[in-house]
Amino acid sequence: MMEDIEIAPRIIVSEAVHPGRPLIRGTRIQVSVVLGSLAAGMSVDEVAQEYDLSREDVLAALAYAQKVIERELVLPLPGARREGPTG
């Protein structure tokens, strides 16, 4: 059986829990759930309380997302519709 693999501080992947999805270490909470809650307007402290996480866990999810997006390269596709800042 595969062990949990730490991919960033406080962030793991686990074959046993949501395989392939980044999780907060020691929980079944996906990083995407934490990020979605923050994006919906919850504060760091509210997210921590809602999911029984530490502030450091929530901030670790943000740090992980920043590292992932930092490596992303977006190239426009020819003929693709381009939207302005208001969508």
Protein backbone atom coordinates (compact mmCIF):
# COMPACT_ATOMS: atom_id res chain seq x y z
CA MET A 1 0.00 0.00 0.00
CA MET A 2 1.25 3.46 -0.90
CA GLU A 3 2.05 5.86 1.92
CA ASP A 4 0.99 9.45 2.06
CA ILE A 5 3.43 11.63 0.15
CA GLU A 6 4.10 15.16 1.32
CA ILE A 7 4.21 17.39 -1.77
CA ALA A 8 4.49 20.69 0.11
CA PRO A 9 4.57 21.72 3.76
CA ARG A 10 1.33 20.38 5.35
CA ILE A 11 0.05 19.18 1.94
CA ILE A 12 -0.06 15.49 0.98
CA VAL A 13 -1.44 13.12 -1.62
CA SER A 14 -2.84 9.80 -0.45
CA GLU A 15 -3.79 6.72 -2.40
CA ALA A 16 -6.35 5.90 0.29
CA VAL A 17 -8.12 9.29 0.41
CA HIS A 18 -9.14 11.14 -2.76
CA PRO A 19 -6.29 9.62 -4.86
CA GLY A 20 -4.30 12.23 -6.75
CA ARG A 21 -5.90 15.18 -4.99
CA PRO A 22 -3.83 17.42 -2.70
CA LEU A 23 -5.06 17.20 0.90
CA ILE A 24 -4.34 18.98 4.14
CA ARG A 25 -2.07 16.58 6.07
CA GLY A 26 -3.91 14.60 8.74
CA THR A 27 -7.35 15.29 7.25
CA ARG A 28 -9.57 14.28 4.35
CA ILE A 29 -9.95 17.96 3.36
CA GLN A 30 -8.92 18.73 -0.20
CA VAL A 31 -6.86 21.85 -0.87
CA SER A 32 -9.46 22.79 -3.49
CA VAL A 33 -12.17 22.90 -0.80
CA VAL A 34 -10.08 25.29 1.30
CA LEU A 35 -9.36 27.48 -1.73
CA GLY A 36 -12.99 27.46 -2.81
CA SER A 37 -14.09 28.59 0.62
CA LEU A 38 -11.58 31.43 0.59
CA ALA A 39 -12.64 32.41 -2.92
CA ALA A 40 -16.27 32.48 -1.74
CA GLY A 41 -15.35 35.14 0.79
CA MET A 42 -14.64 33.23 3.98
CA SER A 43 -11.72 34.49 6.05
CA VAL A 44 -8.73 32.32 6.90
CA ASP A 45 -10.01 31.99 10.46
CA GLU A 46 -13.53 31.10 9.29
CA VAL A 47 -12.19 28.36 7.00
CA ALA A 48 -9.98 27.01 9.78
CA GLN A 49 -12.95 26.85 12.14
CA GLU A 50 -15.36 25.41 9.54
CA TYR A 51 -13.06 22.51 8.62
CA ASP A 52 -11.32 22.06 12.00
CA LEU A 53 -7.96 23.15 10.57
CA SER A 54 -5.22 25.35 11.92
CA ARG A 55 -4.57 28.77 10.47
CA GLU A 56 -1.24 27.34 9.28
CA ASP A 57 -3.08 24.59 7.35
CA VAL A 58 -5.20 27.16 5.51
CA LEU A 59 -2.16 29.31 4.73
CA ALA A 60 -0.30 26.19 3.54
CA ALA A 61 -3.12 25.56 1.05
CA LEU A 62 -2.71 29.11 -0.27
CA ALA A 63 1.07 28.72 -0.49
CA TYR A 64 0.66 25.43 -2.38
CA ALA A 65 -1.78 27.03 -4.82
CA GLN A 66 0.63 29.91 -5.39
CA LYS A 67 3.43 27.46 -6.25
CA VAL A 68 1.19 25.54 -8.65
CA ILE A 69 -0.06 28.65 -10.45
CA GLU A 70 3.45 30.08 -10.58
CA ARG A 71 4.42 27.21 -12.91
CA GLU A 72 1.35 27.60 -15.12
CA LEU A 73 1.81 29.03 -18.57
CA VAL A 74 -1.27 30.26 -20.41
CA LEU A 75 -1.09 30.57 -24.18
CA PRO A 76 -4.06 31.88 -26.16
CA LEU A 77 -5.41 29.50 -28.76
CA PRO A 78 -5.77 30.86 -32.30
CA GLY A 79 -9.36 31.93 -32.89
CA ALA A 80 -10.27 31.59 -29.22
CA ARG A 81 -12.72 34.14 -27.87
CA ARG A 82 -10.92 36.63 -25.68
CA GLU A 83 -12.75 38.10 -22.75
CA GLY A 84 -12.02 41.39 -21.07
CA PRO A 85 -11.54 41.91 -17.34
CA THR A 86 -15.29 41.94 -16.70
CA GLY A 87 -15.89 38.58 -18.38
